[in-house]
Every structure is written in structure tokens, then in C-alpha cells.
């Protein structure tokens, strides 16, 4: 596992790509390294919202609402 971790770090240390270009690849490779499930593939109806990329959310700030997205969301993983 140590070699795998070092390879992962070496691969991503030099990444110069934008977040949009690399975030999902990074997250998938990280889940593989950690031996946990990959995020679900969302369907056209937006199902599988508990663990997925680009989860739609409604953001409220100073009383104004707008649509947004969470890059990678997993229900219950950081906050209840």
C-alpha cells in the first residue's frame, strides 16, 4: 500500500490542470486507493443523490436563493 500511496502522490503532485479538468479523476483514483466505493453514476432524473459528483443544491445567502452544485457529495460523510 505504501508504494501505491507514493505513486498516487507523485502522479497528482505535479498536476497543473484546473479543478474542473481533474477533480473527478482525482476523486475516483483516491477511492480506489482507499478501497472504498466509487461515487454513483447519476441518472437523468437525478437519482443516486446520496453519493455522487455534482450534486445539485439550492444555496441561500442573505435571503437570496440560487442553484449550485457540490463537487463530490456523500451523505453523512462529513456532516449529519
PDB file of N, CA and C in Angstrom:
ATOM      1  N   UNK A   1       0.820  -1.199   0.000  1.00  0.00           N
ATOM      2  CA  UNK A   1       0.000   0.000   0.000  1.00  0.00           C
ATOM      3  C   UNK A   1       0.862   1.259   0.000  1.00  0.00           C
ATOM      4  N   UNK A   2       2.002   1.232   0.676  1.00  0.00           N
ATOM      5  CA  UNK A   2       2.875   2.413   0.731  1.00  0.00           C
ATOM      6  C   UNK A   2       3.321   2.815  -0.672  1.00  0.00           C
ATOM      7  N   UNK A   3       3.689   1.840  -1.503  1.00  0.00           N
ATOM      8  CA  UNK A   3       4.103   2.141  -2.872  1.00  0.00           C
ATOM      9  C   UNK A   3       2.948   2.772  -3.633  1.00  0.00           C
ATOM     10  N   UNK A   4       1.741   2.240  -3.451  1.00  0.00           N
ATOM     11  CA  UNK A   4       0.578   2.799  -4.130  1.00  0.00           C
ATOM     12  C   UNK A   4       0.336   4.242  -3.703  1.00  0.00           C
ATOM     13  N   UNK A   5       0.476   4.521  -2.410  1.00  0.00           N
ATOM     14  CA  UNK A   5       0.286   5.885  -1.908  1.00  0.00           C
ATOM     15  C   UNK A   5       1.336   6.812  -2.507  1.00  0.00           C
ATOM     16  N   UNK A   6       2.569   6.367  -2.531  1.00  0.00           N
ATOM     17  CA  UNK A   6       3.631   7.199  -3.101  1.00  0.00           C
ATOM     18  C   UNK A   6       3.399   7.443  -4.584  1.00  0.00           C
ATOM     19  N   UNK A   7       2.959   6.430  -5.316  1.00  0.00           N
ATOM     20  CA  UNK A   7       2.653   6.599  -6.742  1.00  0.00           C
ATOM     21  C   UNK A   7       1.522   7.595  -6.943  1.00  0.00           C
ATOM     22  N   UNK A   8       0.494   7.500  -6.111  1.00  0.00           N
ATOM     23  CA  UNK A   8      -0.634   8.424  -6.184  1.00  0.00           C
ATOM     24  C   UNK A   8      -0.167   9.860  -5.935  1.00  0.00           C
ATOM     25  N   UNK A   9       0.632  10.034  -4.903  1.00  0.00           N
ATOM     26  CA  UNK A   9       1.142  11.375  -4.573  1.00  0.00           C
ATOM     27  C   UNK A   9       1.994  11.906  -5.715  1.00  0.00           C
ATOM     28  N   UNK A  10       2.896  11.099  -6.239  1.00  0.00           N
ATOM     29  CA  UNK A  10       3.750  11.529  -7.344  1.00  0.00           C
ATOM     30  C   UNK A  10       2.918  11.919  -8.564  1.00  0.00           C
ATOM     31  N   UNK A  11       1.912  11.114  -8.856  1.00  0.00           N
ATOM     32  CA  UNK A  11       1.067  11.389 -10.024  1.00  0.00           C
ATOM     33  C   UNK A  11       0.368  12.733  -9.894  1.00  0.00           C
ATOM     34  N   UNK A  12      -0.185  13.020  -8.713  1.00  0.00           N
ATOM     35  CA  UNK A  12      -1.006  14.213  -8.551  1.00  0.00           C
ATOM     36  C   UNK A  12      -0.234  15.436  -8.078  1.00  0.00           C
ATOM     37  N   UNK A  13       0.968  15.246  -7.578  1.00  0.00           N
ATOM     38  CA  UNK A  13       1.762  16.377  -7.096  1.00  0.00           C
ATOM     39  C   UNK A  13       2.026  17.388  -8.196  1.00  0.00           C
ATOM     40  N   UNK A  14       2.278  16.902  -9.381  1.00  0.00           N
ATOM     41  CA  UNK A  14       2.597  17.802 -10.483  1.00  0.00           C
ATOM     42  C   UNK A  14       1.403  18.237 -11.302  1.00  0.00           C
ATOM     43  N   UNK A  15       0.204  17.926 -10.840  1.00  0.00           N
ATOM     44  CA  UNK A  15      -0.983  18.288 -11.618  1.00  0.00           C
ATOM     45  C   UNK A  15      -1.101  19.799 -11.748  1.00  0.00           C
ATOM     46  N   UNK A  16      -1.207  20.240 -12.975  1.00  0.00           N
ATOM     47  CA  UNK A  16      -1.375  21.668 -13.220  1.00  0.00           C
ATOM     48  C   UNK A  16      -2.714  21.975 -13.840  1.00  0.00           C
ATOM     49  N   UNK A  17      -3.557  20.957 -13.951  1.00  0.00           N
ATOM     50  CA  UNK A  17      -4.859  21.143 -14.566  1.00  0.00           C
ATOM     51  C   UNK A  17      -5.817  21.888 -13.659  1.00  0.00           C
ATOM     52  N   UNK A  18      -6.835  22.414 -14.267  1.00  0.00           N
ATOM     53  CA  UNK A  18      -7.844  23.116 -13.486  1.00  0.00           C
ATOM     54  C   UNK A  18      -8.650  22.123 -12.663  1.00  0.00           C
ATOM     55  N   UNK A  19      -9.326  22.625 -11.661  1.00  0.00           N
ATOM     56  CA  UNK A  19     -10.161  21.766 -10.819  1.00  0.00           C
ATOM     57  C   UNK A  19     -11.191  21.030 -11.666  1.00  0.00           C
ATOM     58  N   UNK A  20     -11.828  21.730 -12.569  1.00  0.00           N
ATOM     59  CA  UNK A  20     -12.871  21.106 -13.393  1.00  0.00           C
ATOM     60  C   UNK A  20     -12.309  19.987 -14.256  1.00  0.00           C
ATOM     61  N   UNK A  21     -11.061  20.117 -14.646  1.00  0.00           N
ATOM     62  CA  UNK A  21     -10.451  19.114 -15.525  1.00  0.00           C
ATOM     63  C   UNK A  21      -9.938  17.888 -14.771  1.00  0.00           C
ATOM     64  N   UNK A  22      -9.686  18.025 -13.469  1.00  0.00           N
ATOM     65  CA  UNK A  22      -9.026  16.933 -12.756  1.00  0.00           C
ATOM     66  C   UNK A  22      -9.755  16.394 -11.530  1.00  0.00           C
ATOM     67  N   UNK A  23     -10.713  17.114 -11.007  1.00  0.00           N
ATOM     68  CA  UNK A  23     -11.312  16.753  -9.717  1.00  0.00           C
ATOM     69  C   UNK A  23     -11.927  15.362  -9.704  1.00  0.00           C
ATOM     70  N   UNK A  24     -12.684  15.018 -10.735  1.00  0.00           N
ATOM     71  CA  UNK A  24     -13.349  13.721 -10.719  1.00  0.00           C
ATOM     72  C   UNK A  24     -12.360  12.579 -10.879  1.00  0.00           C
ATOM     73  N   UNK A  25     -11.348  12.753 -11.717  1.00  0.00           N
ATOM     74  CA  UNK A  25     -10.321  11.716 -11.856  1.00  0.00           C
ATOM     75  C   UNK A  25      -9.575  11.524 -10.544  1.00  0.00           C
ATOM     76  N   UNK A  26      -9.233  12.628  -9.893  1.00  0.00           N
ATOM     77  CA  UNK A  26      -8.542  12.558  -8.611  1.00  0.00           C
ATOM     78  C   UNK A  26      -9.389  11.802  -7.596  1.00  0.00           C
ATOM     79  N   UNK A  27     -10.657  12.141  -7.495  1.00  0.00           N
ATOM     80  CA  UNK A  27     -11.533  11.514  -6.506  1.00  0.00           C
ATOM     81  C   UNK A  27     -11.712  10.021  -6.780  1.00  0.00           C
ATOM     82  N   UNK A  28     -11.869   9.653  -8.033  1.00  0.00           N
ATOM     83  CA  UNK A  28     -12.026   8.233  -8.365  1.00  0.00           C
ATOM     84  C   UNK A  28     -10.761   7.456  -8.013  1.00  0.00           C
ATOM     85  N   UNK A  29      -9.601   7.994  -8.381  1.00  0.00           N
ATOM     86  CA  UNK A  29      -8.351   7.313  -8.047  1.00  0.00           C
ATOM     87  C   UNK A  29      -8.151   7.233  -6.536  1.00  0.00           C
ATOM     88  N   UNK A  30      -8.559   8.267  -5.815  1.00  0.00           N
ATOM     89  CA  UNK A  30      -8.433   8.250  -4.361  1.00  0.00           C
ATOM     90  C   UNK A  30      -9.336   7.180  -3.752  1.00  0.00           C
ATOM     91  N   UNK A  31     -10.564   7.047  -4.236  1.00  0.00           N
ATOM     92  CA  UNK A  31     -11.446   5.995  -3.709  1.00  0.00           C
ATOM     93  C   UNK A  31     -10.858   4.619  -3.972  1.00  0.00           C
ATOM     94  N   UNK A  32     -10.255   4.432  -5.150  1.00  0.00           N
ATOM     95  CA  UNK A  32      -9.625   3.147  -5.464  1.00  0.00           C
ATOM     96  C   UNK A  32      -8.456   2.873  -4.520  1.00  0.00           C
ATOM     97  N   UNK A  33      -7.648   3.896  -4.279  1.00  0.00           N
ATOM     98  CA  UNK A  33      -6.506   3.749  -3.376  1.00  0.00           C
ATOM     99  C   UNK A  33      -6.966   3.391  -1.962  1.00  0.00           C
ATOM    100  N   UNK A  34      -8.038   4.019  -1.512  1.00  0.00           N
ATOM    101  CA  UNK A  34      -8.543   3.779  -0.161  1.00  0.00           C
ATOM    102  C   UNK A  34      -9.368   2.502  -0.051  1.00  0.00           C
ATOM    103  N   UNK A  35      -9.720   1.923  -1.192  1.00  0.00           N
ATOM    104  CA  UNK A  35     -10.510   0.702  -1.180  1.00  0.00           C
ATOM    105  C   UNK A  35     -11.964   0.917  -0.796  1.00  0.00           C
ATOM    106  N   UNK A  36     -12.495   2.097  -1.109  1.00  0.00           N
ATOM    107  CA  UNK A  36     -13.906   2.393  -0.833  1.00  0.00           C
ATOM    108  C   UNK A  36     -14.665   2.490  -2.154  1.00  0.00           C
ATOM    109  N   UNK A  37     -15.978   2.456  -2.064  1.00  0.00           N
ATOM    110  CA  UNK A  37     -16.797   2.524  -3.270  1.00  0.00           C
ATOM    111  C   UNK A  37     -16.599   3.834  -4.020  1.00  0.00           C
ATOM    112  N   UNK A  38     -16.691   3.739  -5.334  1.00  0.00           N
ATOM    113  CA  UNK A  38     -16.679   4.933  -6.170  1.00  0.00           C
ATOM    114  C   UNK A  38     -18.024   5.643  -6.048  1.00  0.00           C
ATOM    115  N   UNK A  39     -18.075   6.932  -6.376  1.00  0.00           N
ATOM    116  CA  UNK A  39     -19.364   7.624  -6.406  1.00  0.00           C
ATOM    117  C   UNK A  39     -20.309   6.966  -7.417  1.00  0.00           C
ATOM    118  N   UNK A  40     -21.600   7.087  -7.146  1.00  0.00           N
ATOM    119  CA  UNK A  40     -22.606   6.534  -8.036  1.00  0.00           C
ATOM    120  C   UNK A  40     -22.696   7.330  -9.333  1.00  0.00           C
ATOM    121  N   UNK A  41     -23.189   6.670 -10.349  1.00  0.00           N
ATOM    122  CA  UNK A  41     -23.488   7.346 -11.607  1.00  0.00           C
ATOM    123  C   UNK A  41     -24.917   7.848 -11.494  1.00  0.00           C
ATOM    124  N   UNK A  42     -25.104   9.133 -11.691  1.00  0.00           N
ATOM    125  CA  UNK A  42     -26.445   9.692 -11.610  1.00  0.00           C
ATOM    126  C   UNK A  42     -27.207   9.434 -12.894  1.00  0.00           C
ATOM    127  N   UNK A  43     -28.492   9.246 -12.768  1.00  0.00           N
ATOM    128  CA  UNK A  43     -29.296   9.076 -13.972  1.00  0.00           C
ATOM    129  C   UNK A  43     -29.910  10.411 -14.378  1.00  0.00           C
ATOM    130  N   UNK A  44     -30.623  10.419 -15.462  1.00  0.00           N
ATOM    131  CA  UNK A  44     -31.176  11.671 -15.991  1.00  0.00           C
ATOM    132  C   UNK A  44     -32.203  12.298 -15.066  1.00  0.00           C
ATOM    133  N   UNK A  45     -32.769  11.508 -14.153  1.00  0.00           N
ATOM    134  CA  UNK A  45     -33.762  12.022 -13.214  1.00  0.00           C
ATOM    135  C   UNK A  45     -33.127  12.535 -11.929  1.00  0.00           C
ATOM    136  N   UNK A  46     -31.800  12.428 -11.809  1.00  0.00           N
ATOM    137  CA  UNK A  46     -31.104  12.916 -10.619  1.00  0.00           C
ATOM    138  C   UNK A  46     -31.136  11.957  -9.451  1.00  0.00           C
ATOM    139  N   UNK A  47     -31.405  10.693  -9.730  1.00  0.00           N
ATOM    140  CA  UNK A  47     -31.387   9.700  -8.652  1.00  0.00           C
ATOM    141  C   UNK A  47     -29.953   9.459  -8.193  1.00  0.00           C
ATOM    142  N   UNK A  48     -29.793   8.675  -7.178  1.00  0.00           N
ATOM    143  CA  UNK A  48     -28.495   8.352  -6.587  1.00  0.00           C
ATOM    144  C   UNK A  48     -27.822   9.610  -6.024  1.00  0.00           C
ATOM    145  N   UNK A  49     -28.602  10.450  -5.344  1.00  0.00           N
ATOM    146  CA  UNK A  49     -28.076  11.707  -4.830  1.00  0.00           C
ATOM    147  C   UNK A  49     -27.251  11.565  -3.558  1.00  0.00           C
ATOM    148  N   UNK A  50     -27.254  10.389  -2.924  1.00  0.00           N
ATOM    149  CA  UNK A  50     -26.553  10.234  -1.656  1.00  0.00           C
ATOM    150  C   UNK A  50     -25.033  10.132  -1.791  1.00  0.00           C
ATOM    151  N   UNK A  51     -24.523   9.798  -2.971  1.00  0.00           N
ATOM    152  CA  UNK A  51     -23.075   9.688  -3.176  1.00  0.00           C
ATOM    153  C   UNK A  51     -22.811   9.859  -4.653  1.00  0.00           C
ATOM    154  N   UNK A  52     -22.455  11.082  -5.042  1.00  0.00           N
ATOM    155  CA  UNK A  52     -22.278  11.364  -6.459  1.00  0.00           C
ATOM    156  C   UNK A  52     -21.497  12.657  -6.677  1.00  0.00           C
ATOM    157  N   UNK A  53     -21.049  12.823  -7.907  1.00  0.00           N
ATOM    158  CA  UNK A  53     -20.423  14.076  -8.317  1.00  0.00           C
ATOM    159  C   UNK A  53     -21.507  15.088  -8.686  1.00  0.00           C
ATOM    160  N   UNK A  54     -21.179  16.365  -8.527  1.00  0.00           N
ATOM    161  CA  UNK A  54     -22.017  17.471  -8.985  1.00  0.00           C
ATOM    162  C   UNK A  54     -23.461  17.369  -8.494  1.00  0.00           C
ATOM    163  N   UNK A  55     -23.605  17.179  -7.190  1.00  0.00           N
ATOM    164  CA  UNK A  55     -24.950  17.080  -6.617  1.00  0.00           C
ATOM    165  C   UNK A  55     -25.607  18.460  -6.612  1.00  0.00           C
ATOM    166  N   UNK A  56     -26.793  18.570  -7.202  1.00  0.00           N
ATOM    167  CA  UNK A  56     -27.469  19.865  -7.217  1.00  0.00           C
ATOM    168  C   UNK A  56     -27.982  20.249  -5.834  1.00  0.00           C
ATOM    169  N   UNK A  57     -27.827  21.507  -5.495  1.00  0.00           N
ATOM    170  CA  UNK A  57     -28.311  22.036  -4.221  1.00  0.00           C
ATOM    171  C   UNK A  57     -28.870  23.436  -4.443  1.00  0.00           C
ATOM    172  N   UNK A  58     -29.719  23.869  -3.534  1.00  0.00           N
ATOM    173  CA  UNK A  58     -30.188  25.248  -3.527  1.00  0.00           C
ATOM    174  C   UNK A  58     -29.450  25.967  -2.414  1.00  0.00           C
ATOM    175  N   UNK A  59     -28.750  27.025  -2.759  1.00  0.00           N
ATOM    176  CA  UNK A  59     -27.974  27.800  -1.798  1.00  0.00           C
ATOM    177  C   UNK A  59     -28.756  29.043  -1.407  1.00  0.00           C
ATOM    178  N   UNK A  60     -28.762  29.363  -0.115  1.00  0.00           N
ATOM    179  CA  UNK A  60     -29.434  30.571   0.356  1.00  0.00           C
ATOM    180  C   UNK A  60     -28.412  31.423   1.086  1.00  0.00           C
ATOM    181  N   UNK A  61     -28.278  32.649   0.621  1.00  0.00           N
ATOM    182  CA  UNK A  61     -27.341  33.590   1.243  1.00  0.00           C
ATOM    183  C   UNK A  61     -28.030  34.950   1.286  1.00  0.00           C
ATOM    184  N   UNK A  62     -28.060  35.541   2.449  1.00  0.00           N
ATOM    185  CA  UNK A  62     -28.738  36.822   2.681  1.00  0.00           C
ATOM    186  C   UNK A  62     -30.147  36.820   2.087  1.00  0.00           C
ATOM    187  N   UNK A  63     -30.832  35.698   2.274  1.00  0.00           N
ATOM    188  CA  UNK A  63     -32.214  35.599   1.831  1.00  0.00           C
ATOM    189  C   UNK A  63     -32.403  35.328   0.352  1.00  0.00           C
ATOM    190  N   UNK A  64     -31.333  35.300  -0.409  1.00  0.00           N
ATOM    191  CA  UNK A  64     -31.432  35.045  -1.851  1.00  0.00           C
ATOM    192  C   UNK A  64     -31.081  33.599  -2.135  1.00  0.00           C
ATOM    193  N   UNK A  65     -31.871  32.973  -2.980  1.00  0.00           N
ATOM    194  CA  UNK A  65     -31.637  31.580  -3.339  1.00  0.00           C
ATOM    195  C   UNK A  65     -31.040  31.501  -4.735  1.00  0.00           C
ATOM    196  N   UNK A  66     -30.139  30.534  -4.899  1.00  0.00           N
ATOM    197  CA  UNK A  66     -29.581  30.264  -6.226  1.00  0.00           C
ATOM    198  C   UNK A  66     -29.238  28.785  -6.310  1.00  0.00           C
ATOM    199  N   UNK A  67     -29.173  28.284  -7.512  1.00  0.00           N
ATOM    200  CA  UNK A  67     -28.812  26.888  -7.731  1.00  0.00           C
ATOM    201  C   UNK A  67     -27.300  26.744  -7.726  1.00  0.00           C
ATOM    202  N   UNK A  68     -26.842  25.659  -7.153  1.00  0.00           N
ATOM    203  CA  UNK A  68     -25.412  25.378  -7.119  1.00  0.00           C
ATOM    204  C   UNK A  68     -25.180  23.886  -7.186  1.00  0.00           C
ATOM    205  N   UNK A  69     -23.928  23.508  -7.042  1.00  0.00           N
ATOM    206  CA  UNK A  69     -23.565  22.093  -7.079  1.00  0.00           C
ATOM    207  C   UNK A  69     -22.454  21.837  -6.071  1.00  0.00           C
ATOM    208  N   UNK A  70     -22.470  20.619  -5.518  1.00  0.00           N
ATOM    209  CA  UNK A  70     -21.395  20.159  -4.643  1.00  0.00           C
ATOM    210  C   UNK A  70     -20.525  19.236  -5.488  1.00  0.00           C
ATOM    211  N   UNK A  71     -19.219  19.517  -5.552  1.00  0.00           N
ATOM    212  CA  UNK A  71     -18.311  18.751  -6.416  1.00  0.00           C
ATOM    213  C   UNK A  71     -18.430  17.248  -6.193  1.00  0.00           C
ATOM    214  N   UNK A  72     -18.325  16.808  -4.950  1.00  0.00           N
ATOM    215  CA  UNK A  72     -18.466  15.392  -4.614  1.00  0.00           C
ATOM    216  C   UNK A  72     -19.158  15.313  -3.271  1.00  0.00           C
ATOM    217  N   UNK A  73     -20.314  14.706  -3.264  1.00  0.00           N
ATOM    218  CA  UNK A  73     -21.155  14.644  -2.072  1.00  0.00           C
ATOM    219  C   UNK A  73     -21.363  13.202  -1.655  1.00  0.00           C
ATOM    220  N   UNK A  74     -21.225  12.946  -0.352  1.00  0.00           N
ATOM    221  CA  UNK A  74     -21.576  11.645   0.202  1.00  0.00           C
ATOM    222  C   UNK A  74     -22.312  11.900   1.514  1.00  0.00           C
ATOM    223  N   UNK A  75     -23.581  11.563   1.527  1.00  0.00           N
ATOM    224  CA  UNK A  75     -24.443  11.824   2.668  1.00  0.00           C
ATOM    225  C   UNK A  75     -23.848  11.222   3.944  1.00  0.00           C
ATOM    226  N   UNK A  76     -23.753  12.061   4.966  1.00  0.00           N
ATOM    227  CA  UNK A  76     -23.292  11.596   6.268  1.00  0.00           C
ATOM    228  C   UNK A  76     -21.796  11.439   6.414  1.00  0.00           C
ATOM    229  N   UNK A  77     -21.022  11.792   5.391  1.00  0.00           N
ATOM    230  CA  UNK A  77     -19.580  11.546   5.483  1.00  0.00           C
ATOM    231  C   UNK A  77     -18.831  12.647   6.234  1.00  0.00           C
ATOM    232  N   UNK A  78     -19.312  13.876   6.167  1.00  0.00           N
ATOM    233  CA  UNK A  78     -18.648  14.968   6.895  1.00  0.00           C
ATOM    234  C   UNK A  78     -19.555  15.558   7.961  1.00  0.00           C
ATOM    235  N   UNK A  79     -20.779  15.780   7.594  1.00  0.00           N
ATOM    236  CA  UNK A  79     -21.752  16.367   8.493  1.00  0.00           C
ATOM    237  C   UNK A  79     -23.031  15.555   8.450  1.00  0.00           C
ATOM    238  N   UNK A  80     -23.761  15.527   9.545  1.00  0.00           N
ATOM    239  CA  UNK A  80     -25.008  14.741   9.559  1.00  0.00           C
ATOM    240  C   UNK A  80     -26.042  15.274   8.589  1.00  0.00           C
TER     241      UNK A  80
END
